[in-house]
């Protein structure tokens, strides 16, 4: 697998479209940091680290729904292994005029676009959520 973040985002997107309450993905620190931002912004209920059926570490993600519809309407990968997207603090895009969130990997850690602007740091734009 070349892009573990895209794999996790696709698993979340597919599970939410099917109405699943939880989804499992292999564990890594970067995935956990991205999930922390999603949980802080209210797009998922939370996650917990478990052991998968194959004995490897996994993360069980609890998806969030509002009136039967998934809270996550759109989940896009921005920076890909073939084309990395780095932006300065002034260039970080707002998603849907501030209704959505860009997740940015900065030297101070993985954070939302608003937190990156407050900390005055730029970095790699991992994905956008609406």
C-alpha atoms as a PDB file:
ATOM      1  CA  UNK A   1       0.000   0.000   0.000  1.00  0.00           C
ATOM      2  CA  UNK A   2       1.492   3.306  -1.096  1.00  0.00           C
ATOM      3  CA  UNK A   3      -0.865   5.730   0.613  1.00  0.00           C
ATOM      4  CA  UNK A   4      -2.145   4.644   4.056  1.00  0.00           C
ATOM      5  CA  UNK A   5      -4.012   7.918   4.691  1.00  0.00           C
ATOM      6  CA  UNK A   6      -5.976   7.579   1.433  1.00  0.00           C
ATOM      7  CA  UNK A   7      -6.761   3.970   2.378  1.00  0.00           C
ATOM      8  CA  UNK A   8      -8.142   5.055   5.755  1.00  0.00           C
ATOM      9  CA  UNK A   9     -10.185   7.888   4.222  1.00  0.00           C
ATOM     10  CA  UNK A  10     -11.640   5.501   1.637  1.00  0.00           C
ATOM     11  CA  UNK A  11     -12.589   3.006   4.359  1.00  0.00           C
ATOM     12  CA  UNK A  12     -14.359   5.785   6.287  1.00  0.00           C
ATOM     13  CA  UNK A  13     -16.099   7.084   3.147  1.00  0.00           C
ATOM     14  CA  UNK A  14     -17.294   3.613   2.074  1.00  0.00           C
ATOM     15  CA  UNK A  15     -18.485   2.615   5.558  1.00  0.00           C
ATOM     16  CA  UNK A  16     -20.406   5.838   6.090  1.00  0.00           C
ATOM     17  CA  UNK A  17     -22.138   5.457   2.701  1.00  0.00           C
ATOM     18  CA  UNK A  18     -23.209   1.935   3.722  1.00  0.00           C
ATOM     19  CA  UNK A  19     -24.458   3.115   7.124  1.00  0.00           C
ATOM     20  CA  UNK A  20     -21.948   1.134   9.203  1.00  0.00           C
ATOM     21  CA  UNK A  21     -21.442   2.193  12.815  1.00  0.00           C
ATOM     22  CA  UNK A  22     -17.743   1.277  12.983  1.00  0.00           C
ATOM     23  CA  UNK A  23     -14.865   0.650  10.592  1.00  0.00           C
ATOM     24  CA  UNK A  24     -11.468  -0.930  11.209  1.00  0.00           C
ATOM     25  CA  UNK A  25      -8.143   0.190   9.739  1.00  0.00           C
ATOM     26  CA  UNK A  26      -4.502  -0.775  10.400  1.00  0.00           C
ATOM     27  CA  UNK A  27      -2.923   1.305  13.153  1.00  0.00           C
ATOM     28  CA  UNK A  28      -0.248   3.970  12.724  1.00  0.00           C
ATOM     29  CA  UNK A  29       0.646   7.175  14.516  1.00  0.00           C
ATOM     30  CA  UNK A  30      -0.210   9.412  11.536  1.00  0.00           C
ATOM     31  CA  UNK A  31      -3.639   7.793  11.147  1.00  0.00           C
ATOM     32  CA  UNK A  32      -4.294   8.312  14.873  1.00  0.00           C
ATOM     33  CA  UNK A  33      -3.282  11.981  14.614  1.00  0.00           C
ATOM     34  CA  UNK A  34      -5.652  12.526  11.665  1.00  0.00           C
ATOM     35  CA  UNK A  35      -8.436  10.759  13.598  1.00  0.00           C
ATOM     36  CA  UNK A  36      -7.744  13.018  16.605  1.00  0.00           C
ATOM     37  CA  UNK A  37      -8.469  16.064  14.418  1.00  0.00           C
ATOM     38  CA  UNK A  38     -11.623  14.435  12.990  1.00  0.00           C
ATOM     39  CA  UNK A  39     -12.846  13.645  16.520  1.00  0.00           C
ATOM     40  CA  UNK A  40     -12.016  17.148  17.832  1.00  0.00           C
ATOM     41  CA  UNK A  41     -13.926  18.731  14.945  1.00  0.00           C
ATOM     42  CA  UNK A  42     -16.934  16.455  15.543  1.00  0.00           C
ATOM     43  CA  UNK A  43     -16.858  14.384  12.340  1.00  0.00           C
ATOM     44  CA  UNK A  44     -16.447  11.013  14.112  1.00  0.00           C
ATOM     45  CA  UNK A  45     -17.502   9.791  17.546  1.00  0.00           C
ATOM     46  CA  UNK A  46     -14.019   8.565  18.371  1.00  0.00           C
ATOM     47  CA  UNK A  47     -11.655   5.653  17.929  1.00  0.00           C
ATOM     48  CA  UNK A  48      -9.864   3.021  19.962  1.00  0.00           C
ATOM     49  CA  UNK A  49      -6.766   0.963  19.365  1.00  0.00           C
ATOM     50  CA  UNK A  50      -7.400  -2.784  19.126  1.00  0.00           C
ATOM     51  CA  UNK A  51      -5.815  -5.905  17.715  1.00  0.00           C
ATOM     52  CA  UNK A  52      -7.035  -7.003  14.298  1.00  0.00           C
ATOM     53  CA  UNK A  53      -8.052 -10.514  13.272  1.00  0.00           C
ATOM     54  CA  UNK A  54      -4.545 -11.103  11.888  1.00  0.00           C
ATOM     55  CA  UNK A  55      -2.893 -10.138  15.185  1.00  0.00           C
ATOM     56  CA  UNK A  56      -1.607  -6.766  13.957  1.00  0.00           C
ATOM     57  CA  UNK A  57      -2.525  -3.492  15.704  1.00  0.00           C
ATOM     58  CA  UNK A  58      -5.700  -1.887  14.355  1.00  0.00           C
ATOM     59  CA  UNK A  59      -7.871   1.146  14.979  1.00  0.00           C
ATOM     60  CA  UNK A  60     -11.643   0.819  15.376  1.00  0.00           C
ATOM     61  CA  UNK A  61     -13.313   4.065  14.248  1.00  0.00           C
ATOM     62  CA  UNK A  62     -16.840   4.934  15.470  1.00  0.00           C
ATOM     63  CA  UNK A  63     -18.667   6.871  12.759  1.00  0.00           C
ATOM     64  CA  UNK A  64     -21.143   9.633  13.509  1.00  0.00           C
ATOM     65  CA  UNK A  65     -24.608  10.138  11.995  1.00  0.00           C
ATOM     66  CA  UNK A  66     -27.171  12.920  12.303  1.00  0.00           C
ATOM     67  CA  UNK A  67     -30.820  12.075  11.588  1.00  0.00           C
ATOM     68  CA  UNK A  68     -29.755   8.966   9.693  1.00  0.00           C
ATOM     69  CA  UNK A  69     -27.306  10.806   7.415  1.00  0.00           C
ATOM     70  CA  UNK A  70     -23.510  10.589   7.794  1.00  0.00           C
ATOM     71  CA  UNK A  71     -21.911  13.692   9.309  1.00  0.00           C
ATOM     72  CA  UNK A  72     -19.035  13.399   6.809  1.00  0.00           C
ATOM     73  CA  UNK A  73     -20.468  14.417   3.440  1.00  0.00           C
ATOM     74  CA  UNK A  74     -17.218  14.822   1.535  1.00  0.00           C
ATOM     75  CA  UNK A  75     -13.751  13.465   2.331  1.00  0.00           C
ATOM     76  CA  UNK A  76     -10.943  14.251  -0.140  1.00  0.00           C
ATOM     77  CA  UNK A  77      -7.227  13.509  -0.136  1.00  0.00           C
ATOM     78  CA  UNK A  78      -5.295  16.632  -1.197  1.00  0.00           C
ATOM     79  CA  UNK A  79      -1.597  15.788  -0.878  1.00  0.00           C
ATOM     80  CA  UNK A  80      -0.751  12.462  -2.512  1.00  0.00           C
ATOM     81  CA  UNK A  81       2.511  10.482  -2.714  1.00  0.00           C
ATOM     82  CA  UNK A  82       2.936  11.490  -6.372  1.00  0.00           C
ATOM     83  CA  UNK A  83       2.129  15.150  -5.744  1.00  0.00           C
ATOM     84  CA  UNK A  84       2.728  16.632  -2.318  1.00  0.00           C
ATOM     85  CA  UNK A  85       0.894  19.874  -1.570  1.00  0.00           C
ATOM     86  CA  UNK A  86       2.602  22.254   0.864  1.00  0.00           C
ATOM     87  CA  UNK A  87       1.125  25.627   1.775  1.00  0.00           C
ATOM     88  CA  UNK A  88       2.156  28.564   3.884  1.00  0.00           C
ATOM     89  CA  UNK A  89      -0.107  29.802   6.653  1.00  0.00           C
ATOM     90  CA  UNK A  90      -1.643  32.484   4.398  1.00  0.00           C
ATOM     91  CA  UNK A  91      -2.356  29.987   1.592  1.00  0.00           C
ATOM     92  CA  UNK A  92      -4.166  27.269   3.582  1.00  0.00           C
ATOM     93  CA  UNK A  93      -7.599  26.982   1.946  1.00  0.00           C
ATOM     94  CA  UNK A  94     -10.913  27.350   3.701  1.00  0.00           C
ATOM     95  CA  UNK A  95     -13.278  24.485   2.929  1.00  0.00           C
ATOM     96  CA  UNK A  96     -16.820  25.598   2.000  1.00  0.00           C
ATOM     97  CA  UNK A  97     -16.296  29.115   3.431  1.00  0.00           C
ATOM     98  CA  UNK A  98     -15.249  27.713   6.813  1.00  0.00           C
ATOM     99  CA  UNK A  99     -17.962  25.035   7.152  1.00  0.00           C
ATOM    100  CA  UNK A 100     -15.455  22.279   6.410  1.00  0.00           C
ATOM    101  CA  UNK A 101     -11.964  21.533   7.681  1.00  0.00           C
ATOM    102  CA  UNK A 102      -8.560  21.081   6.060  1.00  0.00           C
ATOM    103  CA  UNK A 103      -6.248  18.749   7.978  1.00  0.00           C
ATOM    104  CA  UNK A 104      -2.660  20.019   7.874  1.00  0.00           C
ATOM    105  CA  UNK A 105       0.562  18.285   8.914  1.00  0.00           C
ATOM    106  CA  UNK A 106       2.788  20.999  10.388  1.00  0.00           C
ATOM    107  CA  UNK A 107       6.103  21.003  12.261  1.00  0.00           C
ATOM    108  CA  UNK A 108       4.008  21.386  15.431  1.00  0.00           C
ATOM    109  CA  UNK A 109       1.880  18.322  14.653  1.00  0.00           C
ATOM    110  CA  UNK A 110      -1.249  17.414  12.710  1.00  0.00           C
ATOM    111  CA  UNK A 111      -3.986  20.024  13.170  1.00  0.00           C
ATOM    112  CA  UNK A 112      -7.010  21.637  11.556  1.00  0.00           C
ATOM    113  CA  UNK A 113      -6.667  24.624   9.259  1.00  0.00           C
ATOM    114  CA  UNK A 114      -8.010  27.004  11.915  1.00  0.00           C
ATOM    115  CA  UNK A 115      -5.520  25.726  14.503  1.00  0.00           C
ATOM    116  CA  UNK A 116      -2.673  26.086  11.977  1.00  0.00           C
ATOM    117  CA  UNK A 117      -3.688  29.687  11.294  1.00  0.00           C
ATOM    118  CA  UNK A 118      -3.829  30.429  15.038  1.00  0.00           C
ATOM    119  CA  UNK A 119      -0.388  28.844  15.538  1.00  0.00           C
ATOM    120  CA  UNK A 120       0.871  30.741  12.442  1.00  0.00           C
ATOM    121  CA  UNK A 121       2.346  27.640  10.795  1.00  0.00           C
ATOM    122  CA  UNK A 122       1.933  26.099   7.361  1.00  0.00           C
ATOM    123  CA  UNK A 123       2.629  22.588   6.172  1.00  0.00           C
ATOM    124  CA  UNK A 124       1.352  19.705   4.072  1.00  0.00           C
ATOM    125  CA  UNK A 125      -2.401  19.750   3.452  1.00  0.00           C
ATOM    126  CA  UNK A 126      -3.371  16.091   3.976  1.00  0.00           C
ATOM    127  CA  UNK A 127      -7.118  16.173   3.269  1.00  0.00           C
ATOM    128  CA  UNK A 128     -10.302  18.199   3.379  1.00  0.00           C
ATOM    129  CA  UNK A 129     -13.531  17.241   5.184  1.00  0.00           C
ATOM    130  CA  UNK A 130     -17.023  18.623   4.802  1.00  0.00           C
END
